[in-house]
Amino acid sequence: MTNLLPLTGWLNTAPEGVIAYAADSSVSKSDLGSRVAFWMRVLPAEKGQCWAVYHKDSVEFLSIIFALWQLDCTACVPGDNRPATCERLRQRVQGFVGDFPDDLVNNDLSELGIDAGFDTAPEWRVLNADFPALEIYTSGSTGEPKAIGKTFAQLDSELAALEVLWPGEHDAVVISTATHQHFYGLMFRLLWPLVRGQHFEAEQWQYTEDVYNRALRYSAFVLVSTPSHLGRINTSVAWAEVADRCVSVLSSAAPLQRKDSLSVARLLKAPVREIFGSSETGAVAWRVQSDSSDGGWQALPGVMLSQTDDSLLIVAAKQLAEPFFKMSDRIDFISDGRFHLLERVDRIVKVEGKRVSLTEVEQVVQQSPLIEIVKALVITRKRTEIALVAELTEAGRQELAQLGKRKLLLQLRQHLQDFFEPVLLPRRWRFVDQMPYNPQGKLPMDSLQAMFEQEEVKWPELVSQTVEGQVAELVCRMPAELIYFDGHFAGNPILPGITQIHWAEYYGRQLLSLKGRFDRLEVVKFQQVIFPESVISLVLEYNPESNKLSFRFYSDKGVHSSGRICFR
């Protein structure tokens, strides 16, 4: 048994007091109730309807879905608000509320701010446990996203299992890098804290520096995050100042690499609890990796696991819509009911913790008149990325010849941006005259993977260089394959400033007679970004008396960066 409040009656039974924290203020239960009453008054919703909800503020998001529930409506929660997503939702929902294009949101609603007039809270209804509270969208294996319904009974069952496993952390404030628009974030950063009386932060924080600054405010905190954030946590932050305040770290959306799990556990001196599941099943298993653990997963309380003859995982639990659910993950049971994850057998992949269908990616790309045929695959380097091998149409080949690869890719990316979030856009492309079919007419995956197996590109391509005395000038092309473009930034890569400084020092040592160790930087300015395939000139001038190296990156667009590197 747990002491959780049921979602169906939370508005009636939750005690008064603070429930959440915004950037510089707190949010009480009565504040939330006022917002729920407000949305009940202004939403033109009717019983039995389904409304799409997308809002960056967690408290406002909660107030909208509670209002819909009180109006006997289902809240449809899409993972993004891309144009293609909105177009699909048009056919399924009766209304849109939140951060959607103006032509989808009721004109009156689109002009209402978060601080618009409040209403006195009405008499709250206790809702039916079997009511379809949520509709979650996830990538289908055929390429078409599918809707997954969740009743209050299913939600309460999953929350109860989590509380049995990890009780007693109610005093720790939930800080999150995960969005509530995905089911994991919705459950772990909003609904679970809400029904257990745990305070949470209304904002999602993208950078670990922000997590650190928020953690300084509280005597205890829980971090709800994902492998994409934890795997790139900034280790130079003074985590020792808040480590004794961290109760636990939660991670889901994809398995966390052991080294990342151990690194975060050391930094925050807290267990890193990984959650395994899916939108269809909810959370079904967990693990905490350690130096001595075997990486095995074990079922949550109340969840029964088995496998098919071909090793696919079968889940049985009260939180499911059906008696059991067969997942697309192959497993290997090891001992005491624990298991290892092996591989997925469908074409659903997770990139930066976000689920996407490779079939859907191919279907969308082939809508372009520039593409004849395309094959999507996943490659794993420092991060997991989607890669594409494509045959161009005659129009595509003409575009490539006339505009070059960079401008052709810009056109294709613009087409894809209507369908996918930036992090899900393909980052690696190979254009081929003909797909590498084998004699059986199939595309061997190893042949496709081989196209992307190359040494890491860490240096620019030198077009020319001149040296006169203590002055050197280099003309460089910036290959799109440079590793420094990875993750900086998704969908719009630019060359990091630290890389420019590193190159200036390296070529200064190679071409000029500078000596000594790096000491500091002076008058460094970054004025214009440097994009892939740009042609950039680098001028270096060394002053032996001051032991300083001046650098300047420039092009026909003007100066990109400049400064001095001091040596000792």
Protein backbone atom coordinates (compact mmCIF):
# COMPACT_ATOMS: atom_id res chain seq x y z
CA MET A 1 0.00 0.00 0.00
CA THR A 2 1.12 3.58 -0.66
CA ASN A 3 -0.02 6.97 0.56
CA LEU A 4 -0.34 8.42 -2.91
CA LEU A 5 -3.35 10.58 -3.71
CA PRO A 6 -5.36 9.24 -6.67
CA LEU A 7 -5.31 11.49 -9.73
CA THR A 8 -9.09 11.14 -10.02
CA GLY A 9 -9.64 13.10 -6.82
CA TRP A 10 -6.41 15.07 -6.42
CA LEU A 11 -8.11 18.47 -6.66
CA ASN A 12 -10.36 17.53 -3.74
CA THR A 13 -7.91 15.73 -1.48
CA ALA A 14 -4.52 17.41 -1.94
CA PRO A 15 -3.61 19.67 1.01
CA GLU A 16 -3.14 23.39 0.57
CA GLY A 17 0.38 24.73 0.25
CA VAL A 18 3.24 24.95 -2.23
CA ILE A 19 3.33 22.33 -4.99
CA ALA A 20 5.93 23.75 -7.38
CA TYR A 21 8.58 26.41 -7.93
CA ALA A 22 8.86 28.74 -10.91
CA ALA A 23 12.06 30.68 -11.69
CA ASP A 24 11.65 33.20 -8.86
CA SER A 25 8.38 32.28 -7.18
CA SER A 26 6.35 29.40 -5.81
CA VAL A 27 3.06 27.90 -7.00
CA SER A 28 0.44 26.76 -4.50
CA LYS A 29 -2.38 24.29 -4.86
CA SER A 30 -4.84 27.19 -4.85
CA ASP A 31 -2.87 28.87 -7.67
CA LEU A 32 -3.18 25.70 -9.72
CA GLY A 33 -6.87 25.40 -8.85
CA SER A 34 -7.48 28.95 -10.04
CA ARG A 35 -5.81 28.17 -13.35
CA VAL A 36 -7.83 24.96 -13.73
CA ALA A 37 -11.04 26.94 -13.14
CA PHE A 38 -9.92 29.56 -15.65
CA TRP A 39 -9.29 27.01 -18.38
CA MET A 40 -12.60 25.28 -17.65
CA ARG A 41 -14.33 28.58 -18.29
CA VAL A 42 -12.54 29.53 -21.54
CA LEU A 43 -12.06 26.16 -23.26
CA PRO A 44 -14.91 25.52 -25.72
CA ALA A 45 -14.64 21.80 -24.96
CA GLU A 46 -17.50 19.32 -24.84
CA LYS A 47 -17.82 15.99 -23.08
CA GLY A 48 -16.03 13.14 -24.83
CA GLN A 49 -13.73 15.33 -26.93
CA CYS A 50 -9.96 14.97 -27.28
CA TRP A 51 -7.80 18.10 -27.14
CA ALA A 52 -4.13 18.44 -28.07
CA VAL A 53 -2.04 20.09 -25.32
CA TYR A 54 1.46 21.48 -25.76
CA HIS A 55 2.84 24.01 -23.28
CA LYS A 56 6.39 24.64 -22.07
CA ASP A 57 5.32 25.68 -18.55
CA SER A 58 4.66 22.56 -16.48
CA VAL A 59 2.17 24.21 -14.12
CA GLU A 60 0.16 25.67 -16.96
CA PHE A 61 0.30 22.32 -18.75
CA LEU A 62 -1.08 20.63 -15.62
CA SER A 63 -3.83 23.20 -15.24
CA ILE A 64 -4.95 22.61 -18.83
CA ILE A 65 -5.08 18.82 -18.57
CA PHE A 66 -6.87 18.99 -15.21
CA ALA A 67 -9.42 21.35 -16.76
CA LEU A 68 -9.96 18.97 -19.67
CA TRP A 69 -10.44 16.09 -17.25
CA GLN A 70 -13.01 18.06 -15.26
CA LEU A 71 -14.80 18.71 -18.58
CA ASP A 72 -14.82 14.96 -19.35
CA CYS A 73 -12.27 15.38 -22.14
CA THR A 74 -9.10 13.47 -22.98
CA ALA A 75 -5.77 15.29 -23.11
CA CYS A 76 -3.74 14.36 -26.19
CA VAL A 77 -0.04 14.95 -25.45
CA PRO A 78 2.16 15.04 -28.57
CA GLY A 79 5.93 14.89 -28.25
CA ASP A 80 6.41 18.00 -30.39
CA ASN A 81 4.45 20.71 -32.17
CA ARG A 82 6.06 20.39 -35.61
CA PRO A 83 3.83 21.26 -38.60
CA ALA A 84 3.53 17.63 -39.71
CA THR A 85 2.56 16.57 -36.18
CA CYS A 86 -0.12 19.26 -36.03
CA GLU A 87 -1.47 18.21 -39.42
CA ARG A 88 -1.84 14.61 -38.26
CA LEU A 89 -3.56 15.74 -35.06
CA ARG A 90 -6.15 17.75 -37.02
CA GLN A 91 -7.78 14.48 -38.01
CA ARG A 92 -7.96 13.20 -34.44
CA VAL A 93 -8.56 16.03 -31.97
CA GLN A 94 -11.36 18.54 -31.61
CA GLY A 95 -9.15 21.37 -30.41
CA PHE A 96 -5.64 22.64 -29.75
CA VAL A 97 -4.50 24.54 -26.68
CA GLY A 98 -1.05 25.87 -25.82
CA ASP A 99 1.98 26.54 -27.99
CA PHE A 100 0.49 25.72 -31.40
CA PRO A 101 0.25 27.83 -34.58
CA ASP A 102 -2.38 30.56 -34.40
CA ASP A 103 -4.52 28.98 -37.12
CA LEU A 104 -5.01 25.90 -34.90
CA VAL A 105 -5.65 27.61 -31.58
CA ASN A 106 -8.98 29.29 -30.92
CA ASN A 107 -8.47 33.02 -31.59
CA ASP A 108 -9.67 33.97 -28.12
CA LEU A 109 -7.36 31.43 -26.48
CA SER A 110 -4.31 32.48 -28.48
CA GLU A 111 -4.51 35.98 -26.96
CA LEU A 112 -4.75 34.76 -23.34
CA GLY A 113 -1.59 34.92 -21.28
CA ILE A 114 -0.72 32.79 -18.27
CA ASP A 115 -1.70 35.68 -15.98
CA ALA A 116 -5.13 36.23 -17.55
CA GLY A 117 -8.12 36.60 -15.20
CA PHE A 118 -8.66 33.94 -12.52
CA ASP A 119 -11.91 32.35 -11.49
CA THR A 120 -13.09 31.11 -8.12
CA ALA A 121 -12.52 27.37 -7.91
CA PRO A 122 -15.70 25.38 -8.56
CA GLU A 123 -16.75 22.18 -6.82
CA TRP A 124 -14.32 19.62 -8.19
CA ARG A 125 -15.67 16.35 -9.56
CA VAL A 126 -14.14 12.99 -8.60
CA LEU A 127 -13.34 11.31 -11.90
CA ASN A 128 -13.95 7.75 -13.05
CA ALA A 129 -10.86 5.54 -12.78
CA ASP A 130 -11.61 4.01 -16.19
CA PHE A 131 -11.84 7.37 -17.94
CA PRO A 132 -9.33 7.80 -20.85
CA ALA A 133 -7.24 10.54 -19.26
CA LEU A 134 -4.36 10.75 -21.74
CA GLU A 135 -3.50 9.96 -25.30
CA ILE A 136 0.23 9.68 -25.91
CA TYR A 137 1.73 9.70 -29.38
CA THR A 138 4.72 7.58 -30.26
CA SER A 139 6.48 6.46 -33.43
CA GLY A 140 4.90 3.41 -35.03
CA SER A 141 7.05 0.75 -36.63
CA THR A 142 5.31 1.31 -39.97
CA GLY A 143 6.26 4.99 -39.93
CA GLU A 144 2.86 6.31 -38.89
CA PRO A 145 2.74 7.60 -35.27
CA LYS A 146 0.13 5.83 -33.18
CA ALA A 147 -2.02 7.01 -30.30
CA ILE A 148 -1.71 5.20 -26.96
CA GLY A 149 -4.52 5.66 -24.48
CA LYS A 150 -3.99 5.80 -20.69
CA THR A 151 -6.79 5.60 -18.14
CA PHE A 152 -6.53 7.01 -14.63
CA ALA A 153 -6.38 3.45 -13.30
CA GLN A 154 -3.35 2.69 -15.48
CA LEU A 155 -1.57 5.86 -14.42
CA ASP A 156 -2.28 5.32 -10.72
CA SER A 157 -1.10 1.70 -10.97
CA GLU A 158 2.27 2.68 -12.42
CA LEU A 159 2.72 5.49 -9.89
CA ALA A 160 1.92 3.11 -7.04
CA ALA A 161 4.62 0.67 -8.25
CA LEU A 162 7.21 3.46 -8.29
CA GLU A 163 6.24 4.54 -4.79
CA VAL A 164 6.58 1.00 -3.44
CA LEU A 165 10.07 0.78 -4.92
CA TRP A 166 11.34 4.24 -3.90
CA PRO A 167 9.34 5.73 -1.02
CA GLY A 168 10.41 8.39 1.41
CA GLU A 169 11.99 11.04 -0.83
CA HIS A 170 9.12 13.52 -0.62
CA ASP A 171 11.21 16.39 0.78
CA ALA A 172 13.52 16.53 -2.25
CA VAL A 173 12.60 19.04 -4.98
CA VAL A 174 12.40 17.57 -8.48
CA ILE A 175 14.67 19.33 -10.98
CA SER A 176 14.42 18.08 -14.55
CA THR A 177 16.10 18.23 -17.94
CA ALA A 178 13.33 16.04 -19.41
CA THR A 179 10.23 17.46 -21.09
CA HIS A 180 6.75 16.67 -19.77
CA GLN A 181 5.56 16.32 -23.38
CA HIS A 182 7.06 12.81 -23.35
CA PHE A 183 5.53 10.13 -21.16
CA TYR A 184 8.64 9.58 -19.03
CA GLY A 185 8.90 13.26 -18.14
CA LEU A 186 5.15 13.57 -17.61
CA MET A 187 5.13 10.72 -15.09
CA PHE A 188 8.41 11.30 -13.25
CA ARG A 189 8.71 15.08 -13.12
CA LEU A 190 5.01 15.96 -12.80
CA LEU A 191 2.44 13.30 -11.91
CA TRP A 192 4.49 11.26 -9.44
CA PRO A 193 5.62 14.33 -7.45
CA LEU A 194 2.08 15.71 -7.57
CA VAL A 195 0.37 12.65 -6.07
CA ARG A 196 3.07 12.06 -3.43
CA GLY A 197 3.17 15.70 -2.30
CA GLN A 198 6.68 16.38 -3.59
CA HIS A 199 7.65 19.83 -4.83
CA PHE A 200 8.83 20.14 -8.43
CA GLU A 201 10.24 22.82 -10.70
CA ALA A 202 7.93 24.23 -13.37
CA GLU A 203 10.72 24.77 -15.89
CA GLN A 204 12.75 22.28 -17.87
CA TRP A 205 16.47 23.02 -17.72
CA GLN A 206 18.54 22.20 -20.80
CA TYR A 207 22.01 22.88 -19.40
CA THR A 208 23.71 21.24 -16.45
CA GLU A 209 24.93 24.65 -15.29
CA ASP A 210 21.26 25.60 -14.81
CA VAL A 211 20.63 22.37 -12.89
CA TYR A 212 23.53 23.24 -10.59
CA ASN A 213 22.26 26.80 -9.99
CA ARG A 214 18.77 25.52 -9.18
CA ALA A 215 20.14 22.82 -6.88
CA LEU A 216 21.88 25.50 -4.82
CA ARG A 217 18.42 26.77 -3.80
CA TYR A 218 17.29 23.58 -2.08
CA SER A 219 18.41 21.49 0.85
CA ALA A 220 17.53 18.29 -1.09
CA PHE A 221 16.78 17.57 -4.73
CA VAL A 222 16.12 14.77 -7.20
CA LEU A 223 17.36 15.08 -10.79
CA VAL A 224 15.08 13.66 -13.51
CA SER A 225 17.13 13.44 -16.69
CA THR A 226 18.04 11.42 -19.79
CA PRO A 227 21.20 9.79 -21.19
CA SER A 228 21.60 12.63 -23.69
CA HIS A 229 22.04 15.08 -20.80
CA LEU A 230 23.82 12.84 -18.31
CA GLY A 231 26.28 11.63 -20.94
CA ARG A 232 27.39 15.23 -21.54
CA ILE A 233 27.24 16.57 -18.00
CA ASN A 234 29.71 19.40 -17.42
CA THR A 235 32.22 17.91 -14.97
CA SER A 236 33.91 21.29 -14.40
CA VAL A 237 30.86 22.58 -12.49
CA ALA A 238 31.39 22.65 -8.71
CA TRP A 239 29.13 19.66 -8.09
CA ALA A 240 30.79 19.04 -4.72
CA GLU A 241 28.84 22.04 -3.38
CA VAL A 242 25.48 20.34 -4.03
CA ALA A 243 26.38 16.63 -4.05
CA ASP A 244 25.33 16.14 -0.43
CA ARG A 245 21.89 17.53 -1.35
CA CYS A 246 21.21 15.09 -4.20
CA VAL A 247 18.94 12.24 -3.14
CA SER A 248 18.87 10.38 -6.45
CA VAL A 249 19.16 10.71 -10.21
CA LEU A 250 16.55 9.20 -12.53
CA SER A 251 17.31 8.41 -16.17
CA SER A 252 15.20 6.96 -18.96
CA ALA A 253 14.51 7.08 -22.71
CA ALA A 254 17.53 4.83 -23.48
CA PRO A 255 20.06 2.72 -21.54
CA LEU A 256 22.78 4.83 -19.95
CA GLN A 257 26.36 3.82 -20.70
CA ARG A 258 28.06 2.38 -17.62
CA LYS A 259 30.85 4.97 -17.65
CA ASP A 260 28.31 7.80 -17.74
CA SER A 261 26.25 6.25 -14.95
CA LEU A 262 29.31 5.82 -12.73
CA SER A 263 30.57 9.31 -13.54
CA VAL A 264 27.28 10.98 -12.58
CA ALA A 265 27.01 8.86 -9.42
CA ARG A 266 30.49 10.00 -8.36
CA LEU A 267 29.80 13.66 -9.15
CA LEU A 268 26.49 13.81 -7.27
CA LYS A 269 27.21 11.10 -4.68
CA ALA A 270 23.79 9.60 -5.35
CA PRO A 271 22.39 6.47 -7.02
CA VAL A 272 21.60 6.76 -10.73
CA ARG A 273 18.34 4.86 -11.22
CA GLU A 274 17.62 3.88 -14.80
CA ILE A 275 14.07 3.20 -15.93
CA PHE A 276 13.21 0.85 -18.79
CA GLY A 277 9.85 0.77 -20.52
CA SER A 278 7.90 2.29 -23.36
CA SER A 279 4.97 4.61 -23.97
CA GLU A 280 2.76 1.54 -24.39
CA THR A 281 3.83 -0.17 -21.15
CA GLY A 282 5.02 2.65 -18.95
CA ALA A 283 7.95 1.90 -16.62
CA VAL A 284 8.47 -1.87 -16.26
CA ALA A 285 12.06 -2.37 -15.06
CA TRP A 286 14.95 -0.58 -13.38
CA ARG A 287 18.63 -0.88 -12.54
CA VAL A 288 21.46 0.93 -10.74
CA GLN A 289 24.84 0.32 -12.34
CA SER A 290 27.99 0.03 -10.24
CA ASP A 291 31.58 -1.14 -10.60
CA SER A 292 30.52 -4.64 -9.58
CA SER A 293 27.06 -4.90 -11.20
CA ASP A 294 26.41 -6.97 -14.31
CA GLY A 295 24.15 -4.36 -15.89
CA GLY A 296 21.01 -6.44 -15.40
CA TRP A 297 17.49 -5.03 -15.21
CA GLN A 298 14.77 -6.14 -12.77
CA ALA A 299 11.02 -5.73 -12.84
CA LEU A 300 9.15 -3.02 -10.97
CA PRO A 301 6.81 -4.19 -8.18
CA GLY A 302 3.68 -5.74 -9.65
CA VAL A 303 5.23 -6.26 -13.09
CA MET A 304 5.63 -9.81 -14.44
CA LEU A 305 8.18 -10.45 -17.19
CA SER A 306 8.60 -13.40 -19.53
CA GLN A 307 9.80 -13.96 -23.08
CA THR A 308 8.71 -15.49 -26.37
CA ASP A 309 10.49 -18.37 -28.07
CA ASP A 310 12.53 -15.83 -30.03
CA SER A 311 13.51 -13.96 -26.84
CA LEU A 312 11.16 -10.98 -27.15
CA LEU A 313 10.16 -9.45 -23.81
CA ILE A 314 6.57 -9.98 -22.63
CA VAL A 315 5.16 -7.64 -19.96
CA ALA A 316 2.11 -8.29 -17.76
CA ALA A 317 0.96 -5.59 -15.30
CA LYS A 318 -2.13 -3.72 -14.13
CA GLN A 319 -0.88 -0.58 -15.82
CA LEU A 320 -1.36 -2.15 -19.26
CA ALA A 321 -4.46 -1.74 -21.40
CA GLU A 322 -4.36 -5.49 -22.23
CA PRO A 323 -3.41 -8.49 -20.06
CA PHE A 324 0.08 -8.54 -21.58
CA PHE A 325 2.20 -6.69 -24.12
CA LYS A 326 4.93 -8.07 -26.35
CA MET A 327 7.76 -5.59 -26.75
CA SER A 328 10.16 -5.35 -29.68
CA ASP A 329 13.20 -5.85 -27.45
CA ARG A 330 15.13 -9.10 -27.32
CA ILE A 331 16.33 -10.01 -23.83
CA ASP A 332 18.39 -12.62 -22.05
CA PHE A 333 17.27 -13.66 -18.58
CA ILE A 334 20.28 -14.06 -16.30
CA SER A 335 19.25 -14.79 -12.68
CA ASP A 336 16.54 -14.00 -10.13
CA GLY A 337 14.25 -12.76 -12.89
CA ARG A 338 16.77 -10.15 -14.02
CA PHE A 339 17.63 -9.70 -17.68
CA HIS A 340 20.00 -8.08 -20.16
CA LEU A 341 18.70 -6.01 -23.05
CA LEU A 342 19.98 -7.27 -26.40
CA GLU A 343 18.47 -5.56 -29.45
CA ARG A 344 15.29 -4.22 -30.99
CA VAL A 345 13.68 -6.10 -33.84
CA ASP A 346 11.61 -3.26 -35.29
CA ARG A 347 12.87 -0.05 -36.89
CA ILE A 348 12.14 2.18 -33.92
CA VAL A 349 15.28 3.84 -32.58
CA LYS A 350 16.03 6.38 -29.87
CA VAL A 351 18.18 9.41 -30.62
CA GLU A 352 19.03 11.67 -27.68
CA GLY A 353 16.26 9.89 -25.79
CA LYS A 354 13.60 10.63 -28.42
CA ARG A 355 11.88 7.77 -30.22
CA VAL A 356 11.63 7.84 -34.01
CA SER A 357 10.79 5.38 -36.77
CA LEU A 358 13.46 4.94 -39.44
CA THR A 359 10.65 3.92 -41.78
CA GLU A 360 8.96 7.27 -41.21
CA VAL A 361 12.24 9.11 -41.83
CA GLU A 362 12.60 7.31 -45.18
CA GLN A 363 9.00 8.02 -46.15
CA VAL A 364 9.37 11.73 -45.42
CA VAL A 365 12.71 12.05 -47.24
CA GLN A 366 11.30 10.33 -50.32
CA GLN A 367 8.56 12.96 -50.54
CA SER A 368 11.26 15.33 -51.81
CA PRO A 369 11.47 15.56 -55.63
CA LEU A 370 15.26 15.46 -55.22
CA ILE A 371 15.36 11.91 -53.81
CA GLU A 372 14.80 8.71 -55.79
CA ILE A 373 15.34 6.15 -53.01
CA VAL A 374 16.77 6.35 -49.51
CA LYS A 375 17.77 4.05 -46.67
CA ALA A 376 18.02 5.22 -43.05
CA LEU A 377 20.27 3.66 -40.45
CA VAL A 378 21.74 4.47 -37.07
CA ILE A 379 25.43 4.99 -36.44
CA THR A 380 26.98 5.31 -33.00
CA ARG A 381 30.05 7.39 -32.35
CA LYS A 382 30.24 9.79 -29.46
CA ARG A 383 26.47 9.99 -29.85
CA THR A 384 23.75 8.10 -31.64
CA GLU A 385 22.87 9.65 -34.99
CA ILE A 386 20.59 8.98 -37.94
CA ALA A 387 22.43 8.53 -41.22
CA LEU A 388 21.01 8.34 -44.74
CA VAL A 389 22.21 6.73 -47.95
CA ALA A 390 20.32 8.10 -50.96
CA GLU A 391 20.05 7.94 -54.72
CA LEU A 392 19.20 11.32 -56.22
CA THR A 393 16.65 11.96 -58.94
CA GLU A 394 17.77 13.76 -62.10
CA ALA A 395 16.62 17.01 -60.49
CA GLY A 396 18.61 16.15 -57.38
CA ARG A 397 21.76 15.44 -59.38
CA GLN A 398 21.40 18.78 -61.14
CA GLU A 399 20.99 20.57 -57.82
CA LEU A 400 24.08 18.83 -56.45
CA ALA A 401 26.16 19.82 -59.50
CA GLN A 402 24.97 23.43 -59.53
CA LEU A 403 24.71 24.23 -55.80
CA GLY A 404 27.04 21.79 -54.11
CA LYS A 405 26.42 19.35 -51.28
CA ARG A 406 25.98 21.91 -48.51
CA LYS A 407 23.14 23.83 -50.19
CA LEU A 408 21.48 20.61 -51.31
CA LEU A 409 21.50 19.37 -47.72
CA LEU A 410 20.04 22.68 -46.54
CA GLN A 411 17.07 22.16 -48.88
CA LEU A 412 16.53 18.61 -47.66
CA ARG A 413 16.82 19.63 -44.00
CA GLN A 414 14.28 22.41 -44.48
CA HIS A 415 11.88 19.80 -45.83
CA LEU A 416 12.51 17.52 -42.84
CA GLN A 417 12.13 20.29 -40.24
CA ASP A 418 8.36 20.28 -40.70
CA PHE A 419 8.24 16.66 -39.55
CA PHE A 420 10.96 16.12 -36.96
CA GLU A 421 12.54 17.89 -34.00
CA PRO A 422 16.08 19.19 -34.68
CA VAL A 423 17.74 16.42 -32.67
CA LEU A 424 16.09 13.78 -34.90
CA LEU A 425 17.24 15.26 -38.20
CA PRO A 426 19.71 13.04 -40.09
CA ARG A 427 23.27 14.23 -39.47
CA ARG A 428 25.14 12.03 -41.94
CA TRP A 429 24.35 11.75 -45.66
CA ARG A 430 25.89 9.73 -48.46
CA PHE A 431 24.74 10.19 -52.06
CA VAL A 432 25.37 7.18 -54.30
CA ASP A 433 24.83 6.46 -57.98
CA GLN A 434 23.26 3.12 -57.07
CA MET A 435 22.34 1.44 -53.81
CA PRO A 436 24.69 -1.47 -52.86
CA TYR A 437 22.16 -4.29 -53.37
CA ASN A 438 23.49 -7.83 -52.98
CA PRO A 439 22.71 -10.65 -55.49
CA GLN A 440 19.51 -11.41 -53.56
CA GLY A 441 18.28 -7.87 -54.11
CA LYS A 442 18.70 -6.86 -50.47
CA LEU A 443 20.61 -3.99 -48.89
CA PRO A 444 23.13 -5.50 -46.43
CA MET A 445 23.41 -3.31 -43.38
CA ASP A 446 27.18 -3.79 -43.19
CA SER A 447 27.54 -2.28 -46.69
CA LEU A 448 25.59 0.78 -45.63
CA GLN A 449 27.44 1.11 -42.33
CA ALA A 450 30.79 0.87 -44.15
CA MET A 451 30.02 4.13 -45.97
CA PHE A 452 30.22 5.95 -42.66
CA GLU A 453 33.23 4.17 -41.22
CA GLN A 454 36.05 6.61 -41.54
CA GLU A 455 38.63 8.21 -39.31
CA GLU A 456 37.48 11.13 -37.25
CA VAL A 457 38.06 14.46 -39.01
CA LYS A 458 39.68 16.83 -36.52
CA TRP A 459 41.41 19.38 -38.74
CA PRO A 460 40.37 21.78 -41.51
CA GLU A 461 41.33 21.12 -45.10
CA LEU A 462 44.27 23.38 -45.95
CA VAL A 463 43.83 25.17 -49.29
CA SER A 464 47.01 27.22 -48.97
CA GLN A 465 49.49 28.54 -46.43
CA THR A 466 52.21 31.20 -46.40
CA VAL A 467 54.80 32.08 -43.75
CA GLU A 468 56.86 35.27 -43.63
CA GLY A 469 58.95 35.84 -40.52
CA GLN A 470 56.64 35.61 -37.53
CA VAL A 471 53.42 35.91 -39.56
CA ALA A 472 51.53 32.97 -41.07
CA GLU A 473 48.33 32.92 -43.12
CA LEU A 474 46.31 29.80 -43.89
CA VAL A 475 43.25 29.39 -46.09
CA CYS A 476 41.09 26.50 -44.83
CA ARG A 477 37.87 24.72 -45.79
CA MET A 478 35.74 23.48 -42.91
CA PRO A 479 34.59 19.91 -43.78
CA ALA A 480 31.07 19.07 -42.67
CA GLU A 481 32.52 15.85 -41.21
CA LEU A 482 34.55 17.70 -38.55
CA ILE A 483 33.83 16.05 -35.20
CA TYR A 484 33.55 19.49 -33.61
CA PHE A 485 30.30 20.13 -35.46
CA ASP A 486 28.71 17.17 -33.67
CA GLY A 487 26.13 18.34 -31.14
CA HIS A 488 27.08 22.02 -31.59
CA PHE A 489 24.26 22.53 -32.37
CA ALA A 490 21.61 19.99 -33.45
CA GLY A 491 20.15 21.01 -36.80
CA ASN A 492 22.45 24.04 -37.20
CA PRO A 493 26.09 23.06 -36.61
CA ILE A 494 28.71 25.74 -35.98
CA LEU A 495 32.41 25.56 -35.14
CA PRO A 496 32.99 25.97 -31.37
CA GLY A 497 35.14 28.88 -30.22
CA ILE A 498 37.39 26.60 -28.17
CA THR A 499 38.22 24.68 -31.36
CA GLN A 500 39.28 27.89 -33.09
CA ILE A 501 41.61 28.74 -30.22
CA HIS A 502 43.02 25.19 -30.24
CA TRP A 503 43.73 25.41 -33.97
CA ALA A 504 45.37 28.83 -33.62
CA GLU A 505 47.77 27.50 -30.98
CA TYR A 506 48.46 24.30 -32.93
CA TYR A 507 49.32 26.03 -36.21
CA GLY A 508 51.24 28.73 -34.34
CA ARG A 509 53.49 26.05 -32.84
CA GLN A 510 53.81 24.28 -36.20
CA LEU A 511 54.63 27.30 -38.34
CA LEU A 512 56.13 29.92 -36.01
CA SER A 513 58.90 29.78 -33.41
CA LEU A 514 56.70 30.32 -30.36
CA LYS A 515 57.72 28.64 -27.11
CA GLY A 516 56.35 28.03 -23.64
CA ARG A 517 53.17 26.70 -22.12
CA PHE A 518 49.68 28.11 -22.52
CA ASP A 519 48.99 30.74 -19.84
CA ARG A 520 45.84 32.74 -20.65
CA LEU A 521 43.75 34.44 -23.33
CA GLU A 522 43.44 38.18 -23.99
CA VAL A 523 40.87 40.31 -25.89
CA VAL A 524 39.15 37.27 -27.40
CA LYS A 525 36.11 38.14 -29.50
CA PHE A 526 33.73 35.84 -31.39
CA GLN A 527 31.90 38.01 -33.90
CA GLN A 528 30.45 35.66 -36.53
CA VAL A 529 29.80 31.93 -36.48
CA ILE A 530 31.61 29.52 -38.80
CA PHE A 531 29.44 26.99 -40.65
CA PRO A 532 30.32 23.65 -42.30
CA GLU A 533 31.93 23.89 -45.75
CA SER A 534 32.95 27.53 -45.16
CA VAL A 535 36.28 28.74 -46.55
CA ILE A 536 38.06 30.68 -43.81
CA SER A 537 41.43 32.45 -43.60
CA LEU A 538 43.49 32.29 -40.42
CA VAL A 539 46.17 34.91 -39.78
CA LEU A 540 48.71 34.26 -37.01
CA GLU A 541 51.28 36.76 -35.73
CA TYR A 542 53.78 35.87 -32.99
CA ASN A 543 55.58 38.44 -30.81
CA PRO A 544 58.64 36.73 -29.26
CA GLU A 545 59.25 39.60 -26.81
CA SER A 546 55.83 39.38 -25.15
CA ASN A 547 55.49 35.66 -25.96
CA LYS A 548 52.00 36.28 -27.32
CA LEU A 549 50.29 34.85 -30.42
CA SER A 550 47.63 36.98 -32.10
CA PHE A 551 45.06 35.19 -34.25
CA ARG A 552 42.26 36.25 -36.57
CA PHE A 553 39.75 34.04 -38.43
CA TYR A 554 38.13 35.94 -41.33
CA SER A 555 36.37 35.45 -44.65
CA ASP A 556 34.54 37.56 -47.23
CA LYS A 557 31.86 37.99 -44.55
CA GLY A 558 34.30 39.79 -42.25
CA VAL A 559 36.08 38.79 -39.05
CA HIS A 560 34.77 35.65 -37.35
CA SER A 561 37.00 35.64 -34.28
CA SER A 562 40.19 37.20 -32.96
CA GLY A 563 42.32 37.41 -29.84
CA ARG A 564 45.70 36.74 -28.27
CA ILE A 565 47.09 33.57 -26.67
CA CYS A 566 49.67 34.25 -23.96
CA PHE A 567 52.44 31.76 -23.16
CA ARG A 568 54.88 31.47 -20.26
